[in-house]
Amino acid sequence: MKTNELRAKSNDELSKELHDLLKAQFGLRMQLATQQLTNTSQMKRVRRDIARVRTLLKEKSAK
């Protein structure tokens, strides 16, 4: 997910995006634990997207 796309979203949309990403991360962790995850790079991508969304939420709340 690109940062420019995230910046265009409102706080409510970012919160929903964060919630969806956290659910996806949980699902990936469960797949990893049960050895069903074949593409482990998804974990890194989701983790970075979560960090991006949290950073933008903090930036918007500081304004």
N, C-alpha and C. Protein backbone atom coordinates (compact mmCIF):
# COMPACT_ATOMS: atom_id res chain seq x y z
N MET A 1 0.84 -1.17 0.00
CA MET A 1 0.00 0.00 0.00
C MET A 1 0.89 1.24 0.00
N LYS A 2 0.57 2.18 -0.85
CA LYS A 2 1.37 3.39 -0.99
C LYS A 2 0.98 4.41 0.08
N THR A 3 1.95 5.19 0.51
CA THR A 3 1.70 6.21 1.51
C THR A 3 0.77 7.29 0.97
N ASN A 4 0.91 7.61 -0.31
CA ASN A 4 0.05 8.64 -0.91
C ASN A 4 -1.42 8.23 -0.86
N GLU A 5 -1.70 6.97 -1.07
CA GLU A 5 -3.07 6.47 -0.99
C GLU A 5 -3.61 6.61 0.43
N LEU A 6 -2.76 6.32 1.40
CA LEU A 6 -3.19 6.39 2.80
C LEU A 6 -3.41 7.83 3.24
N ARG A 7 -2.57 8.75 2.78
CA ARG A 7 -2.72 10.15 3.17
C ARG A 7 -4.05 10.73 2.70
N ALA A 8 -4.59 10.21 1.63
CA ALA A 8 -5.85 10.72 1.09
C ALA A 8 -7.06 10.26 1.91
N LYS A 9 -6.88 9.28 2.77
CA LYS A 9 -7.99 8.74 3.55
C LYS A 9 -8.23 9.55 4.82
N SER A 10 -9.45 9.47 5.32
CA SER A 10 -9.80 10.15 6.57
C SER A 10 -9.37 9.29 7.76
N ASN A 11 -9.52 9.85 8.96
CA ASN A 11 -9.14 9.11 10.16
C ASN A 11 -9.98 7.85 10.34
N ASP A 12 -11.27 7.94 10.03
CA ASP A 12 -12.14 6.76 10.16
C ASP A 12 -11.72 5.66 9.19
N GLU A 13 -11.40 6.06 7.97
CA GLU A 13 -10.96 5.08 6.98
C GLU A 13 -9.63 4.46 7.38
N LEU A 14 -8.73 5.28 7.96
CA LEU A 14 -7.44 4.75 8.40
C LEU A 14 -7.63 3.78 9.57
N SER A 15 -8.54 4.10 10.47
CA SER A 15 -8.81 3.20 11.59
C SER A 15 -9.35 1.86 11.11
N LYS A 16 -10.24 1.91 10.12
CA LYS A 16 -10.78 0.67 9.56
C LYS A 16 -9.68 -0.11 8.85
N GLU A 17 -8.81 0.59 8.14
CA GLU A 17 -7.69 -0.05 7.45
C GLU A 17 -6.76 -0.72 8.47
N LEU A 18 -6.50 -0.04 9.58
CA LEU A 18 -5.65 -0.60 10.63
C LEU A 18 -6.29 -1.86 11.20
N HIS A 19 -7.58 -1.81 11.44
CA HIS A 19 -8.29 -2.97 11.98
C HIS A 19 -8.19 -4.16 11.02
N ASP A 20 -8.38 -3.89 9.73
CA ASP A 20 -8.28 -4.95 8.72
C ASP A 20 -6.87 -5.53 8.65
N LEU A 21 -5.87 -4.66 8.74
CA LEU A 21 -4.48 -5.13 8.68
C LEU A 21 -4.13 -5.97 9.91
N LEU A 22 -4.64 -5.58 11.08
CA LEU A 22 -4.37 -6.36 12.28
C LEU A 22 -5.03 -7.73 12.20
N LYS A 23 -6.23 -7.79 11.60
CA LYS A 23 -6.87 -9.10 11.39
C LYS A 23 -6.04 -9.95 10.43
N ALA A 24 -5.55 -9.32 9.36
CA ALA A 24 -4.74 -10.05 8.39
C ALA A 24 -3.46 -10.56 9.04
N GLN A 25 -2.86 -9.74 9.89
CA GLN A 25 -1.64 -10.15 10.58
C GLN A 25 -1.91 -11.35 11.49
N PHE A 26 -3.03 -11.32 12.18
CA PHE A 26 -3.38 -12.44 13.05
C PHE A 26 -3.55 -13.73 12.23
N GLY A 27 -4.24 -13.60 11.09
CA GLY A 27 -4.43 -14.77 10.23
C GLY A 27 -3.11 -15.32 9.72
N LEU A 28 -2.20 -14.42 9.36
CA LEU A 28 -0.89 -14.87 8.88
C LEU A 28 -0.09 -15.54 10.00
N ARG A 29 -0.20 -15.01 11.22
CA ARG A 29 0.50 -15.63 12.35
C ARG A 29 -0.03 -17.04 12.61
N MET A 30 -1.34 -17.21 12.48
CA MET A 30 -1.92 -18.54 12.69
C MET A 30 -1.48 -19.50 11.58
N GLN A 31 -1.42 -19.00 10.35
CA GLN A 31 -0.94 -19.84 9.24
C GLN A 31 0.51 -20.23 9.45
N LEU A 32 1.31 -19.30 9.95
CA LEU A 32 2.72 -19.58 10.20
C LEU A 32 2.87 -20.64 11.30
N ALA A 33 2.05 -20.52 12.34
CA ALA A 33 2.14 -21.46 13.46
C ALA A 33 1.72 -22.86 13.05
N THR A 34 0.78 -22.96 12.12
CA THR A 34 0.32 -24.28 11.69
C THR A 34 1.05 -24.74 10.43
N GLN A 35 2.07 -24.01 10.05
CA GLN A 35 2.93 -24.33 8.91
C GLN A 35 2.14 -24.40 7.60
N GLN A 36 1.16 -23.50 7.44
CA GLN A 36 0.40 -23.42 6.20
C GLN A 36 0.82 -22.21 5.38
N LEU A 37 1.64 -21.33 5.94
CA LEU A 37 2.04 -20.11 5.24
C LEU A 37 3.21 -20.43 4.31
N THR A 38 3.00 -20.20 3.03
CA THR A 38 4.07 -20.49 2.06
C THR A 38 4.85 -19.24 1.71
N ASN A 39 4.21 -18.09 1.68
CA ASN A 39 4.87 -16.85 1.31
C ASN A 39 5.09 -16.01 2.57
N THR A 40 6.23 -16.18 3.20
CA THR A 40 6.49 -15.50 4.48
C THR A 40 6.74 -14.01 4.32
N SER A 41 6.95 -13.55 3.10
CA SER A 41 7.17 -12.12 2.90
C SER A 41 5.89 -11.32 3.15
N GLN A 42 4.74 -11.98 3.16
CA GLN A 42 3.49 -11.31 3.47
C GLN A 42 3.51 -10.74 4.88
N MET A 43 4.15 -11.44 5.81
CA MET A 43 4.24 -10.98 7.20
C MET A 43 4.92 -9.62 7.25
N LYS A 44 6.04 -9.50 6.56
CA LYS A 44 6.80 -8.26 6.56
C LYS A 44 6.00 -7.12 5.94
N ARG A 45 5.30 -7.41 4.84
CA ARG A 45 4.52 -6.39 4.14
C ARG A 45 3.38 -5.87 5.02
N VAL A 46 2.68 -6.78 5.68
CA VAL A 46 1.57 -6.39 6.54
C VAL A 46 2.07 -5.60 7.75
N ARG A 47 3.18 -6.03 8.31
CA ARG A 47 3.75 -5.34 9.47
C ARG A 47 4.13 -3.90 9.11
N ARG A 48 4.71 -3.72 7.94
CA ARG A 48 5.09 -2.37 7.49
C ARG A 48 3.87 -1.51 7.19
N ASP A 49 2.83 -2.12 6.61
CA ASP A 49 1.60 -1.38 6.35
C ASP A 49 0.95 -0.91 7.65
N ILE A 50 0.98 -1.77 8.66
CA ILE A 50 0.45 -1.39 9.97
C ILE A 50 1.21 -0.20 10.52
N ALA A 51 2.52 -0.23 10.41
CA ALA A 51 3.34 0.88 10.89
C ALA A 51 3.03 2.16 10.13
N ARG A 52 2.84 2.05 8.82
CA ARG A 52 2.49 3.24 8.02
C ARG A 52 1.18 3.85 8.47
N VAL A 53 0.17 3.01 8.67
CA VAL A 53 -1.14 3.51 9.06
C VAL A 53 -1.07 4.14 10.44
N ARG A 54 -0.39 3.50 11.38
CA ARG A 54 -0.28 4.05 12.73
C ARG A 54 0.47 5.39 12.72
N THR A 55 1.49 5.49 11.90
CA THR A 55 2.24 6.74 11.79
C THR A 55 1.35 7.86 11.27
N LEU A 56 0.58 7.57 10.23
CA LEU A 56 -0.30 8.59 9.66
C LEU A 56 -1.40 8.99 10.64
N LEU A 57 -1.92 8.04 11.41
CA LEU A 57 -2.92 8.37 12.41
C LEU A 57 -2.35 9.31 13.47
N LYS A 58 -1.11 9.04 13.88
CA LYS A 58 -0.46 9.93 14.87
C LYS A 58 -0.21 11.30 14.29
N GLU A 59 0.22 11.37 13.03
CA GLU A 59 0.46 12.65 12.39
C GLU A 59 -0.81 13.47 12.29
N LYS A 60 -1.90 12.81 11.92
CA LYS A 60 -3.17 13.53 11.77
C LYS A 60 -3.72 13.97 13.12
N SER A 61 -3.50 13.20 14.16
CA SER A 61 -4.01 13.59 15.48
C SER A 61 -3.18 14.72 16.10
N ALA A 62 -1.92 14.86 15.67
CA ALA A 62 -1.06 15.89 16.21
C ALA A 62 -1.37 17.26 15.61
N LYS A 63 -2.05 17.27 14.46
CA LYS A 63 -2.35 18.54 13.80
C LYS A 63 -3.48 19.27 14.46
